[in-house]
Amino acid sequence: MIRVLYFASLREQLGTDAEELTPGGETVDLAAIVSFLKARGGVWSNVFGGAQPVMMALNQEVAAPEDRVSDGDEVAFFPPVTGG
């Protein structure tokens, strides 16, 4: 199982803060997870396919779409953070 977390405005838009996905025995990358979530349609497609960028973390470290995800990993999605 891969634990997927949604933070801040993403959590509000999607109506959930977490879920578990089963990779099906294959090693996948973050891009494949984003594609899977986007394919759900509706708000999922808007969040993961819209103009607003979504940041990703893998096991609590900022990650890129090509990073591999394995069983037992934690993936987090969050909006870009700005600060001063």
N, C-alpha and C. Protein backbone atom coordinates (compact mmCIF):
# COMPACT_ATOMS: atom_id res chain seq x y z
N MET A 1 0.83 -1.18 0.00
CA MET A 1 0.00 0.00 0.00
C MET A 1 0.88 1.25 0.00
N ILE A 2 0.38 2.24 -0.70
CA ILE A 2 1.01 3.56 -0.72
C ILE A 2 0.05 4.50 -0.01
N ARG A 3 0.53 5.19 0.98
CA ARG A 3 -0.30 6.16 1.70
C ARG A 3 -0.19 7.49 0.96
N VAL A 4 -1.33 8.06 0.61
CA VAL A 4 -1.37 9.33 -0.12
C VAL A 4 -2.05 10.36 0.76
N LEU A 5 -1.37 11.50 0.94
CA LEU A 5 -1.88 12.58 1.78
C LEU A 5 -2.13 13.82 0.93
N TYR A 6 -3.18 14.55 1.28
CA TYR A 6 -3.54 15.79 0.58
C TYR A 6 -3.57 16.91 1.61
N PHE A 7 -2.89 18.02 1.32
CA PHE A 7 -2.77 19.11 2.28
C PHE A 7 -3.40 20.41 1.77
N ALA A 8 -3.75 21.26 2.73
CA ALA A 8 -4.22 22.64 2.50
C ALA A 8 -5.41 22.67 1.55
N SER A 9 -5.35 23.53 0.54
CA SER A 9 -6.50 23.70 -0.36
C SER A 9 -6.80 22.43 -1.15
N LEU A 10 -5.82 21.58 -1.38
CA LEU A 10 -6.09 20.32 -2.08
C LEU A 10 -7.02 19.45 -1.26
N ARG A 11 -6.77 19.38 0.03
CA ARG A 11 -7.62 18.60 0.93
C ARG A 11 -9.06 19.13 0.86
N GLU A 12 -9.20 20.43 0.86
CA GLU A 12 -10.54 21.03 0.82
C GLU A 12 -11.23 20.75 -0.51
N GLN A 13 -10.52 20.90 -1.61
CA GLN A 13 -11.11 20.67 -2.93
C GLN A 13 -11.49 19.21 -3.15
N LEU A 14 -10.66 18.29 -2.69
CA LEU A 14 -10.89 16.87 -2.93
C LEU A 14 -11.80 16.23 -1.89
N GLY A 15 -12.00 16.91 -0.77
CA GLY A 15 -12.87 16.38 0.27
C GLY A 15 -12.30 15.22 1.05
N THR A 16 -10.98 15.08 1.03
CA THR A 16 -10.32 14.02 1.79
C THR A 16 -8.91 14.46 2.14
N ASP A 17 -8.39 13.92 3.24
CA ASP A 17 -7.03 14.27 3.61
C ASP A 17 -6.04 13.14 3.36
N ALA A 18 -6.56 11.92 3.12
CA ALA A 18 -5.67 10.78 2.92
C ALA A 18 -6.41 9.61 2.30
N GLU A 19 -5.65 8.73 1.68
CA GLU A 19 -6.18 7.47 1.17
C GLU A 19 -5.01 6.52 0.97
N GLU A 20 -5.33 5.27 0.72
CA GLU A 20 -4.30 4.28 0.43
C GLU A 20 -4.54 3.71 -0.95
N LEU A 21 -3.46 3.59 -1.72
CA LEU A 21 -3.51 3.03 -3.06
C LEU A 21 -2.65 1.77 -3.09
N THR A 22 -3.05 0.83 -3.89
CA THR A 22 -2.28 -0.39 -4.07
C THR A 22 -1.64 -0.35 -5.44
N PRO A 23 -0.31 -0.35 -5.52
CA PRO A 23 0.35 -0.22 -6.81
C PRO A 23 0.21 -1.44 -7.71
N GLY A 24 -0.31 -2.54 -7.22
CA GLY A 24 -0.51 -3.72 -8.07
C GLY A 24 0.75 -4.50 -8.35
N GLY A 25 1.71 -4.46 -7.45
CA GLY A 25 2.92 -5.24 -7.60
C GLY A 25 3.99 -4.59 -8.47
N GLU A 26 3.61 -3.56 -9.21
CA GLU A 26 4.58 -2.86 -10.05
C GLU A 26 5.16 -1.67 -9.29
N THR A 27 6.38 -1.34 -9.62
CA THR A 27 6.95 -0.10 -9.11
C THR A 27 6.49 1.00 -10.05
N VAL A 28 5.91 2.04 -9.49
CA VAL A 28 5.39 3.14 -10.31
C VAL A 28 6.13 4.42 -9.94
N ASP A 29 5.97 5.44 -10.77
CA ASP A 29 6.54 6.73 -10.43
C ASP A 29 5.42 7.69 -10.05
N LEU A 30 5.79 8.86 -9.56
CA LEU A 30 4.79 9.83 -9.14
C LEU A 30 3.92 10.30 -10.30
N ALA A 31 4.48 10.38 -11.49
CA ALA A 31 3.70 10.78 -12.65
C ALA A 31 2.56 9.82 -12.90
N ALA A 32 2.79 8.52 -12.71
CA ALA A 32 1.73 7.52 -12.89
C ALA A 32 0.63 7.69 -11.84
N ILE A 33 1.01 8.03 -10.62
CA ILE A 33 0.00 8.26 -9.58
C ILE A 33 -0.82 9.50 -9.91
N VAL A 34 -0.17 10.56 -10.36
CA VAL A 34 -0.89 11.77 -10.75
C VAL A 34 -1.86 11.45 -11.89
N SER A 35 -1.42 10.69 -12.88
CA SER A 35 -2.29 10.31 -14.00
C SER A 35 -3.49 9.51 -13.53
N PHE A 36 -3.26 8.59 -12.60
CA PHE A 36 -4.35 7.78 -12.04
C PHE A 36 -5.37 8.67 -11.33
N LEU A 37 -4.89 9.60 -10.52
CA LEU A 37 -5.79 10.49 -9.79
C LEU A 37 -6.54 11.41 -10.74
N LYS A 38 -5.86 11.93 -11.73
CA LYS A 38 -6.48 12.82 -12.71
C LYS A 38 -7.58 12.10 -13.49
N ALA A 39 -7.38 10.83 -13.78
CA ALA A 39 -8.34 10.03 -14.55
C ALA A 39 -9.65 9.81 -13.81
N ARG A 40 -9.70 10.11 -12.52
CA ARG A 40 -10.95 9.99 -11.77
C ARG A 40 -11.99 10.99 -12.27
N GLY A 41 -11.53 12.04 -12.94
CA GLY A 41 -12.43 13.04 -13.50
C GLY A 41 -12.88 14.05 -12.46
N GLY A 42 -13.77 14.93 -12.87
CA GLY A 42 -14.33 15.94 -11.98
C GLY A 42 -13.27 16.79 -11.31
N VAL A 43 -13.44 16.98 -10.02
CA VAL A 43 -12.52 17.82 -9.26
C VAL A 43 -11.10 17.25 -9.28
N TRP A 44 -10.97 15.92 -9.36
CA TRP A 44 -9.65 15.29 -9.41
C TRP A 44 -8.90 15.73 -10.67
N SER A 45 -9.61 15.78 -11.78
CA SER A 45 -9.01 16.22 -13.03
C SER A 45 -8.63 17.70 -12.95
N ASN A 46 -9.46 18.49 -12.30
CA ASN A 46 -9.16 19.91 -12.14
C ASN A 46 -7.92 20.14 -11.28
N VAL A 47 -7.82 19.40 -10.18
CA VAL A 47 -6.69 19.57 -9.27
C VAL A 47 -5.38 19.08 -9.90
N PHE A 48 -5.42 17.90 -10.53
CA PHE A 48 -4.18 17.30 -11.03
C PHE A 48 -3.91 17.56 -12.50
N GLY A 49 -4.82 18.27 -13.18
CA GLY A 49 -4.59 18.58 -14.58
C GLY A 49 -4.82 20.04 -14.91
N GLY A 50 -5.10 20.82 -13.90
CA GLY A 50 -5.41 22.23 -14.12
C GLY A 50 -4.17 23.10 -14.22
N ALA A 51 -4.42 24.38 -14.26
CA ALA A 51 -3.34 25.35 -14.42
C ALA A 51 -2.53 25.54 -13.13
N GLN A 52 -3.14 25.28 -11.98
CA GLN A 52 -2.44 25.45 -10.70
C GLN A 52 -1.46 24.30 -10.47
N PRO A 53 -0.19 24.59 -10.26
CA PRO A 53 0.77 23.51 -10.01
C PRO A 53 0.50 22.81 -8.67
N VAL A 54 0.87 21.55 -8.62
CA VAL A 54 0.76 20.75 -7.40
C VAL A 54 2.15 20.26 -7.06
N MET A 55 2.57 20.49 -5.83
CA MET A 55 3.87 20.02 -5.36
C MET A 55 3.71 18.59 -4.82
N MET A 56 4.80 17.84 -4.84
CA MET A 56 4.78 16.45 -4.39
C MET A 56 5.93 16.19 -3.42
N ALA A 57 5.66 15.30 -2.49
CA ALA A 57 6.71 14.83 -1.59
C ALA A 57 6.63 13.31 -1.52
N LEU A 58 7.78 12.69 -1.43
CA LEU A 58 7.88 11.24 -1.29
C LEU A 58 8.63 10.96 0.00
N ASN A 59 7.95 10.32 0.93
CA ASN A 59 8.55 10.03 2.24
C ASN A 59 9.11 11.29 2.89
N GLN A 60 8.32 12.36 2.82
CA GLN A 60 8.57 13.64 3.47
C GLN A 60 9.73 14.43 2.89
N GLU A 61 10.06 14.15 1.61
CA GLU A 61 11.07 14.94 0.91
C GLU A 61 10.49 15.37 -0.42
N VAL A 62 10.71 16.64 -0.80
CA VAL A 62 10.20 17.14 -2.07
C VAL A 62 10.65 16.20 -3.19
N ALA A 63 9.71 15.90 -4.10
CA ALA A 63 9.98 14.89 -5.12
C ALA A 63 9.61 15.40 -6.51
N ALA A 64 10.07 14.67 -7.52
CA ALA A 64 9.80 14.98 -8.93
C ALA A 64 8.92 13.88 -9.53
N PRO A 65 8.24 14.17 -10.64
CA PRO A 65 7.34 13.19 -11.25
C PRO A 65 8.00 11.85 -11.58
N GLU A 66 9.27 11.86 -11.91
CA GLU A 66 9.95 10.62 -12.28
C GLU A 66 10.43 9.78 -11.09
N ASP A 67 10.27 10.29 -9.88
CA ASP A 67 10.69 9.53 -8.70
C ASP A 67 9.83 8.29 -8.52
N ARG A 68 10.48 7.17 -8.24
CA ARG A 68 9.82 5.88 -8.09
C ARG A 68 9.16 5.75 -6.73
N VAL A 69 7.98 5.14 -6.72
CA VAL A 69 7.22 4.92 -5.51
C VAL A 69 7.05 3.41 -5.32
N SER A 70 7.31 2.95 -4.13
CA SER A 70 7.21 1.52 -3.83
C SER A 70 6.22 1.28 -2.70
N ASP A 71 5.83 0.04 -2.57
CA ASP A 71 4.94 -0.36 -1.50
C ASP A 71 5.49 0.11 -0.15
N GLY A 72 4.63 0.71 0.66
CA GLY A 72 5.04 1.21 1.97
C GLY A 72 5.44 2.68 1.99
N ASP A 73 5.56 3.29 0.81
CA ASP A 73 5.94 4.70 0.74
C ASP A 73 4.76 5.61 1.09
N GLU A 74 5.11 6.84 1.42
CA GLU A 74 4.12 7.88 1.69
C GLU A 74 4.31 8.98 0.65
N VAL A 75 3.21 9.33 -0.02
CA VAL A 75 3.21 10.38 -1.02
C VAL A 75 2.33 11.50 -0.51
N ALA A 76 2.78 12.74 -0.65
CA ALA A 76 1.97 13.88 -0.23
C ALA A 76 1.86 14.87 -1.39
N PHE A 77 0.67 15.44 -1.53
CA PHE A 77 0.42 16.48 -2.53
C PHE A 77 0.00 17.74 -1.80
N PHE A 78 0.54 18.89 -2.25
CA PHE A 78 0.22 20.14 -1.59
C PHE A 78 0.42 21.29 -2.58
N PRO A 79 -0.28 22.40 -2.36
CA PRO A 79 -0.10 23.54 -3.25
C PRO A 79 1.25 24.21 -2.99
N PRO A 80 1.75 24.96 -3.98
CA PRO A 80 3.01 25.67 -3.76
C PRO A 80 2.87 26.61 -2.56
N VAL A 81 3.95 26.74 -1.83
CA VAL A 81 3.96 27.59 -0.63
C VAL A 81 4.70 28.87 -0.96
N THR A 82 4.13 29.98 -0.56
CA THR A 82 4.82 31.26 -0.73
C THR A 82 5.06 31.85 0.64
N GLY A 83 6.04 32.64 0.73
CA GLY A 83 6.35 33.25 2.03
C GLY A 83 7.31 34.40 1.84
N GLY A 84 7.56 35.06 2.94
CA GLY A 84 8.42 36.23 2.82
C GLY A 84 9.43 36.32 3.89
